[in-house]
Protein backbone atom coordinates (compact mmCIF):
# COMPACT_ATOMS: atom_id res chain seq x y z
CA SER A 1 -63.50 -1.50 47.84
CA VAL A 2 -60.87 -3.20 46.34
CA ASP A 3 -58.97 -4.16 49.63
CA ASP A 4 -62.37 -4.92 51.32
CA LEU A 5 -63.05 -7.59 48.38
CA ALA A 6 -59.32 -8.88 48.23
CA TYR A 7 -59.24 -9.53 52.22
CA LEU A 8 -63.02 -11.25 52.02
CA CYS A 9 -60.87 -13.62 49.14
CA ARG A 10 -58.22 -14.42 51.74
CA TRP A 11 -55.88 -13.56 49.02
CA GLN A 12 -53.10 -12.49 50.99
CA VAL A 13 -53.21 -8.80 50.93
CA ARG A 14 -50.57 -8.63 53.67
CA GLY A 15 -49.71 -11.94 54.17
CA GLU A 16 -45.68 -12.35 53.32
CA LYS A 17 -46.40 -16.17 51.39
CA PHE A 18 -48.91 -17.54 48.78
CA CYS A 19 -51.25 -19.55 49.19
CA GLU A 20 -50.15 -23.06 49.01
CA THR A 21 -53.80 -23.99 47.61
CA SER A 22 -56.12 -23.15 44.96
CA VAL A 23 -58.43 -20.22 45.86
CA GLY A 24 -61.88 -21.15 46.51
CA THR A 25 -63.45 -17.53 44.63
CA ILE A 26 -64.54 -18.25 41.15
CA LEU A 27 -63.42 -15.13 39.19
CA THR A 28 -64.61 -14.69 35.73
CA SER A 29 -62.45 -13.65 32.99
CA ILE A 30 -63.89 -10.21 30.86
CA ARG A 31 -61.22 -9.79 28.33
CA ALA A 32 -57.83 -10.76 27.20
CA LEU A 33 -54.80 -7.64 28.20
CA GLY A 34 -52.39 -9.23 26.57
CA ARG A 35 -49.29 -10.82 27.36
CA GLY A 36 -46.16 -9.53 29.83
CA SER A 37 -42.62 -10.28 29.58
CA VAL A 38 -43.22 -13.55 31.82
CA GLY A 39 -47.20 -14.47 31.61
CA GLU A 40 -50.77 -13.77 30.48
CA VAL A 41 -53.01 -11.25 31.94
CA ASP A 42 -56.37 -10.68 31.21
CA GLU A 43 -59.26 -8.31 33.35
CA VAL A 44 -61.25 -10.21 35.67
CA ARG A 45 -64.12 -9.91 38.41
CA VAL A 46 -65.40 -11.90 41.10
CA SER A 47 -69.30 -11.06 40.59
CA GLU A 48 -71.12 -8.91 38.10
CA ASN A 49 -71.25 -5.55 40.53
CA ALA A 50 -67.81 -6.19 41.65
CA GLU A 51 -64.93 -4.06 40.91
CA HIS A 52 -62.96 -5.49 37.79
CA PHE A 53 -59.09 -5.99 38.24
CA VAL A 54 -55.91 -7.61 36.65
CA ARG A 55 -55.07 -11.22 36.83
CA LYS A 56 -51.64 -12.15 35.66
CA CYS A 57 -50.80 -15.81 35.23
CA ILE A 58 -47.85 -17.27 35.05
CA SER A 59 -47.24 -21.13 33.87
CA ILE A 60 -44.60 -22.89 35.96
CA SER A 61 -41.94 -25.46 34.51
CA ARG A 62 -42.57 -29.29 35.42
CA GLN A 63 -39.07 -29.54 36.25
CA LYS A 64 -38.47 -29.03 40.05
CA ARG A 65 -35.46 -26.68 39.62
CA ALA A 66 -36.26 -24.56 37.13
CA ALA A 67 -40.43 -24.24 38.90
CA GLU A 68 -38.23 -23.18 42.36
CA ARG A 69 -36.53 -20.61 40.48
CA GLU A 70 -39.62 -19.49 39.00
CA PHE A 71 -42.04 -19.59 41.98
CA LYS A 72 -38.55 -17.07 43.43
CA ALA A 73 -38.89 -14.69 40.07
CA VAL A 74 -42.62 -14.59 41.06
CA ALA A 75 -42.07 -13.91 44.65
CA ASN A 76 -39.40 -11.10 44.13
CA GLU A 77 -42.02 -9.58 41.71
CA VAL A 78 -44.73 -9.62 45.02
CA ALA A 79 -41.82 -8.64 46.76
CA SER A 80 -40.78 -5.46 44.84
CA MET A 81 -44.75 -4.45 44.25
CA ARG A 82 -45.78 -4.46 48.03
CA LYS A 83 -42.96 -2.47 48.95
CA VAL A 84 -44.37 0.13 46.87
CA ASN A 85 -47.92 -0.51 47.19
CA ALA A 86 -48.62 2.49 48.91
CA LEU A 87 -46.80 4.85 46.43
CA PRO A 88 -49.38 6.91 43.65
CA HIS A 89 -48.59 6.04 39.74
CA ILE A 90 -47.75 2.19 40.32
CA VAL A 91 -50.45 -0.85 39.68
CA LYS A 92 -51.08 -2.29 43.55
CA ILE A 93 -51.01 -5.68 43.99
CA ILE A 94 -53.92 -6.70 46.55
CA GLY A 95 -52.91 -10.98 46.24
CA SER A 96 -51.52 -13.92 44.97
CA TYR A 97 -51.83 -17.55 44.90
CA ARG A 98 -51.20 -20.77 43.19
CA GLN A 99 -53.13 -23.02 41.54
CA GLU A 100 -52.39 -26.70 40.52
CA THR A 101 -54.58 -28.64 38.02
CA PRO A 102 -55.41 -32.16 37.93
CA GLN A 103 -52.59 -32.88 35.39
CA ARG A 104 -50.34 -31.21 37.98
CA VAL A 105 -49.01 -28.53 35.94
CA GLN A 106 -48.54 -25.75 38.24
CA PHE A 107 -49.56 -21.77 37.77
CA ALA A 108 -48.84 -18.35 39.74
CA PHE A 109 -51.20 -15.86 39.64
CA LEU A 110 -51.06 -12.08 40.39
CA LEU A 111 -54.38 -9.90 41.23
CA MET A 112 -53.89 -6.33 40.77
CA HIS A 113 -55.70 -3.09 40.29
CA PRO A 114 -56.55 -1.04 38.61
CA VAL A 115 -57.32 -1.94 35.22
CA GLY A 116 -55.83 0.21 32.73
CA ASP A 117 -57.48 2.07 29.77
CA GLN A 118 -54.60 1.59 27.45
CA ASN A 119 -50.93 1.10 27.60
CA LEU A 120 -48.75 4.28 26.73
CA GLU A 121 -47.77 2.81 22.98
CA ASP A 122 -51.25 2.44 22.13
CA PHE A 123 -51.90 5.94 23.40
CA PHE A 124 -49.33 7.29 21.39
CA GLU A 125 -51.51 6.12 18.65
CA THR A 126 -54.84 7.60 20.06
CA CYS A 127 -53.07 10.88 19.87
CA LYS A 128 -52.22 10.51 16.20
CA ALA A 129 -55.82 9.53 15.28
CA ALA A 130 -56.99 12.78 17.09
CA ARG A 131 -54.13 15.09 15.16
CA GLU A 132 -55.18 13.58 11.92
CA GLU A 133 -58.58 13.39 12.28
CA PHE A 134 -58.29 17.24 13.42
CA ASP A 135 -60.18 16.56 16.78
CA ARG A 136 -58.70 19.82 18.13
CA GLU A 137 -60.64 18.84 21.60
CA ASN A 138 -59.10 15.51 22.15
CA THR A 139 -55.78 16.40 20.94
CA VAL A 140 -55.43 19.75 23.43
CA LEU A 141 -56.70 17.13 26.08
CA TYR A 142 -54.27 14.83 25.38
CA GLN A 143 -51.38 17.04 25.31
CA LEU A 144 -52.75 18.53 29.32
CA TRP A 145 -52.55 14.48 30.25
CA LEU A 146 -49.20 13.99 28.44
CA LYS A 147 -47.61 17.17 30.40
CA LYS A 148 -48.96 15.91 33.59
CA TRP A 149 -47.60 13.17 33.20
CA PHE A 150 -43.98 14.43 33.41
CA THR A 151 -44.22 14.56 36.87
CA CYS A 152 -46.32 11.62 37.64
CA LEU A 153 -43.99 9.31 36.45
CA ALA A 154 -40.56 10.75 37.26
CA SER A 155 -42.56 11.08 41.28
CA ALA A 156 -43.34 7.42 41.08
CA LEU A 157 -40.12 6.67 40.05
CA ALA A 158 -38.19 8.66 42.94
CA TYR A 159 -40.28 7.11 45.35
CA MET A 160 -39.25 3.62 44.18
CA HIS A 161 -35.74 4.04 44.57
CA LYS A 162 -36.40 5.89 47.73
CA SER A 163 -38.26 2.29 48.79
CA ASN A 164 -35.11 0.56 47.54
CA VAL A 165 -36.87 -0.89 44.36
CA HIS A 166 -35.64 -0.86 40.65
CA HIS A 167 -37.98 -1.14 37.81
CA LYS A 168 -35.55 -2.35 35.42
CA ASP A 169 -38.17 -2.18 32.40
CA ILE A 170 -39.34 1.10 31.42
CA LYS A 171 -40.87 1.29 28.58
CA PRO A 172 -44.65 2.40 26.75
CA THR A 173 -45.98 -0.90 26.89
CA ASN A 174 -45.59 -0.81 30.63
CA VAL A 175 -47.03 2.18 31.36
CA ILE A 176 -51.00 2.45 31.40
CA ARG A 177 -53.35 5.05 31.86
CA CYS A 178 -56.55 4.79 33.37
CA GLY A 179 -58.50 8.02 32.60
CA ASP A 180 -56.23 10.89 33.03
CA CYS A 181 -54.03 8.79 35.79
CA ILE A 182 -50.60 6.79 34.62
CA TYR A 183 -49.34 4.38 36.53
CA PHE A 184 -46.01 1.77 36.14
CA THR A 185 -46.77 -1.69 35.73
CA ASP A 186 -45.10 -5.41 35.17
CA PHE A 187 -42.76 -5.40 37.64
CA SER A 188 -41.29 -8.86 36.39
CA SER A 189 -38.21 -7.41 36.02
CA SER A 190 -37.71 -5.69 39.05
CA ARG A 191 -35.47 -6.01 42.27
CA SER A 192 -35.80 -5.22 46.04
CA PHE A 193 -32.38 -4.29 47.78
CA GLU A 194 -31.96 -4.04 51.07
CA ASP A 195 -30.13 -0.48 53.22
CA GLY A 196 -26.69 -0.89 52.72
CA GLN A 197 -26.46 -3.15 49.68
CA SER A 198 -25.17 -2.22 46.71
CA THR A 199 -28.03 -0.35 44.45
CA SER A 200 -27.00 -2.03 41.38
CA THR A 201 -27.52 -5.72 40.76
CA VAL A 202 -25.23 -7.91 38.10
CA SER A 203 -28.53 -9.93 37.24
CA PHE A 204 -29.16 -9.82 33.68
CA ALA A 205 -31.79 -6.82 32.91
CA GLN A 206 -34.62 -8.26 31.04
CA ALA A 207 -35.54 -4.25 29.79
CA THR A 208 -36.36 -4.34 26.18
CA ARG A 209 -33.44 -3.22 23.98
CA LEU A 210 -34.93 -0.33 22.52
CA PHE A 211 -35.20 1.39 25.62
CA ALA A 212 -32.16 -0.10 27.78
CA ALA A 213 -29.65 1.99 28.95
CA PRO A 214 -26.15 1.47 27.79
CA GLU A 215 -24.33 -0.38 30.70
CA VAL A 216 -27.21 -3.02 30.45
CA CYS A 217 -27.78 -3.29 26.83
CA GLN A 218 -24.56 -5.62 25.75
CA ASP A 219 -24.85 -8.00 22.85
CA ASP A 220 -23.12 -10.76 24.82
CA GLU A 221 -24.03 -12.08 28.25
CA GLU A 222 -20.21 -12.57 29.45
CA ASN A 223 -20.26 -8.65 29.15
CA ILE A 224 -23.61 -7.38 31.10
CA GLN A 225 -23.15 -4.64 33.19
CA ARG A 226 -24.43 -3.28 36.28
CA HIS A 227 -28.26 -2.27 36.29
CA GLY A 228 -28.72 0.29 39.01
CA SER A 229 -31.03 3.01 39.56
CA LYS A 230 -29.27 5.23 37.04
CA ALA A 231 -29.99 2.77 34.26
CA ASP A 232 -33.75 3.14 35.51
CA VAL A 233 -33.68 7.07 35.06
CA PHE A 234 -31.96 6.87 31.21
CA THR A 235 -34.95 4.40 30.40
CA LEU A 236 -37.40 7.06 31.86
CA GLY A 237 -35.51 9.80 29.82
CA LEU A 238 -36.28 7.42 26.53
CA LEU A 239 -39.66 7.09 27.47
CA PHE A 240 -39.95 10.84 27.92
CA VAL A 241 -38.25 11.39 24.64
CA GLU A 242 -41.15 9.71 23.46
CA MET A 243 -43.77 11.59 25.50
CA LEU A 244 -42.21 14.53 24.09
CA THR A 245 -41.97 14.09 20.60
CA VAL A 246 -45.99 13.54 20.84
CA LEU A 247 -46.98 16.36 23.29
CA VAL A 248 -45.47 18.78 20.64
CA GLY A 249 -47.19 17.31 17.73
CA ARG A 250 -44.80 14.83 16.22
CA ASP A 251 -45.05 11.43 15.58
CA ILE A 252 -42.96 8.16 17.03
CA HIS A 253 -42.52 6.77 13.55
CA ASP A 254 -41.01 9.68 12.34
CA LEU A 255 -38.41 9.99 15.50
CA ARG A 256 -37.40 6.21 14.64
CA ASP A 257 -37.12 7.06 10.70
CA PHE A 258 -35.01 9.81 11.93
CA VAL A 259 -32.67 8.02 13.85
CA ASP A 260 -32.64 5.08 11.56
CA GLY A 261 -28.88 4.20 10.34
CA TYR A 262 -27.27 6.35 12.82
CA ASN A 263 -24.41 4.78 14.80
CA GLY A 264 -25.37 1.55 13.89
CA PHE A 265 -29.16 1.72 14.61
CA ALA A 266 -31.13 -1.29 13.66
CA ASP A 267 -28.64 -3.04 11.54
CA THR A 268 -29.51 -5.79 13.32
CA PRO A 269 -32.52 -6.53 15.61
CA LEU A 270 -29.69 -6.66 18.68
CA GLN A 271 -28.50 -3.19 17.16
CA ARG A 272 -32.09 -1.51 17.23
CA GLN A 273 -30.90 0.40 20.73
CA TYR A 274 -31.76 4.19 21.29
CA TRP A 275 -29.10 4.49 23.32
CA ARG A 276 -26.88 4.45 20.58
CA VAL A 277 -28.82 7.44 18.62
CA THR A 278 -29.27 9.80 21.72
CA GLY A 279 -26.64 12.54 19.91
CA ARG A 280 -29.54 12.80 17.61
CA PHE A 281 -32.05 13.97 19.45
CA ASP A 282 -30.37 17.23 19.77
CA ASP A 283 -31.24 17.81 16.39
CA TRP A 284 -34.96 16.61 16.57
CA PHE A 285 -35.59 18.75 19.29
CA LYS A 286 -33.44 21.36 17.72
CA VAL A 287 -36.29 24.15 17.52
CA GLY A 288 -39.54 24.80 18.86
CA GLU A 289 -41.63 23.98 22.12
CA GLY A 290 -39.93 20.89 23.51
CA ARG A 291 -36.05 22.12 23.25
CA GLY A 292 -36.35 23.62 26.76
CA MET A 293 -37.64 20.46 28.42
CA PHE A 294 -34.97 18.19 26.05
CA GLU A 295 -32.29 20.50 27.09
CA LYS A 296 -32.94 21.08 30.97
CA CYS A 297 -34.25 17.46 32.03
CA LEU A 298 -34.09 14.81 29.53
CA LYS A 299 -30.44 15.37 27.61
CA PRO A 300 -28.91 15.00 31.31
CA MET A 301 -30.93 11.90 31.84
CA LEU A 302 -29.65 10.34 28.69
CA GLU A 303 -25.82 10.98 29.69
CA LYS A 304 -23.77 7.69 28.57
CA GLU A 305 -22.06 7.87 31.83
CA LYS A 306 -24.15 6.66 34.54
CA LEU A 307 -22.69 8.44 37.38
CA ALA A 308 -23.16 11.82 35.30
CA ARG A 309 -27.04 11.14 35.14
CA LEU A 310 -29.50 13.06 37.38
CA SER A 311 -31.50 11.14 40.18
CA ALA A 312 -34.96 10.75 39.98
CA GLU A 313 -35.32 13.19 42.62
CA GLU A 314 -33.42 15.59 40.66
CA VAL A 315 -35.22 14.44 37.49
CA VAL A 316 -38.75 15.62 39.57
CA ALA A 317 -37.18 19.02 40.93
CA ILE A 318 -36.42 20.39 37.23
CA ILE A 319 -39.48 19.22 35.93
CA GLY A 320 -41.25 21.43 38.73
CA LYS A 321 -39.55 24.01 37.61
CA ILE A 322 -39.95 23.75 33.94
CA HIS A 323 -44.21 23.28 34.88
CA PRO A 324 -44.79 24.93 37.67
CA ARG A 325 -47.52 24.43 40.13
CA GLY A 326 -50.93 25.99 38.13
CA THR A 327 -49.47 24.97 34.97
CA THR A 328 -49.88 22.13 34.46
CA MET A 329 -53.46 19.74 35.28
CA ALA A 330 -53.80 18.97 39.09
CA CYS A 331 -52.59 15.80 40.62
CA PRO A 332 -51.89 14.59 44.25
CA CYS A 333 -48.18 13.10 43.02
CA LYS A 334 -47.57 16.74 42.82
CA ASN A 335 -47.86 17.57 46.70
CA SER A 336 -45.72 14.26 47.25
CA ALA A 337 -43.46 15.28 44.62
CA ASN A 338 -42.53 18.65 46.66
CA ALA A 339 -42.23 16.14 50.04
CA LEU A 340 -39.09 13.94 48.52
């Protein structure tokens, strides 16, 4: 198993600190998976027959104080992921370590599982291609997956919040699918908080502006507001708007054309923010299959005033009423969601 492999390779599966020296295991890169918000990501393996996993490589500054901050940020990401390691629909961290080159360039590495087939943004394009090619079989299959994933993602977020973790950067490129399973990934912006602490933070939220909540998407850094669990709910609501758009057979590009120019949306790069145009979503889902889901679930997630928004647990409960047991594809997380 992946856990056995991590243990044999001594990748700090349960340790609280990074390995202080290079790991001796040779990792073979299979393919580049892209760039995250703070590092490069590739698919790797230990040996030909071993399970594949994800390696995230983060280059660390040569300046001592900057390096300390960057290692601390990586440690925070590891800490957040460890707290939710056993939860469904969240990528699992299986190890972390440091390496230094002969030129004294330092790197931090995170090893994660599973390797996704594609992120949600790319999946939307796959759905579009299936529709345009009149591929009825796959179009129906993809709709079944999307319908199931509302519960999967909402229950995963509820468990994150119950485990005192905020994601802080929910967007389609930070959600991956592996077959018909869906996972949150990239916790580089996340923050853990202890019981008794405020569940908000005034640190700068690195969320993509398009999907950021209004209270954290400010144009000037002096006016940054708190990012808490309700900001995660808002960004998940925006993700759901795109998922629902695709589910009902429409195109994301048409959605963005529909809101373009409304309330300054996309007038400048800084104003390309969905929160400015949530009032237009009512008309986008005015009729048809998506209306009920939007009205009962998404709209309350997208309240401008954060105290008026649903909690992640409430979102799970509402989706359970809209899509009762037996009306969507089975997933173990549905049993877990009932226990929230």
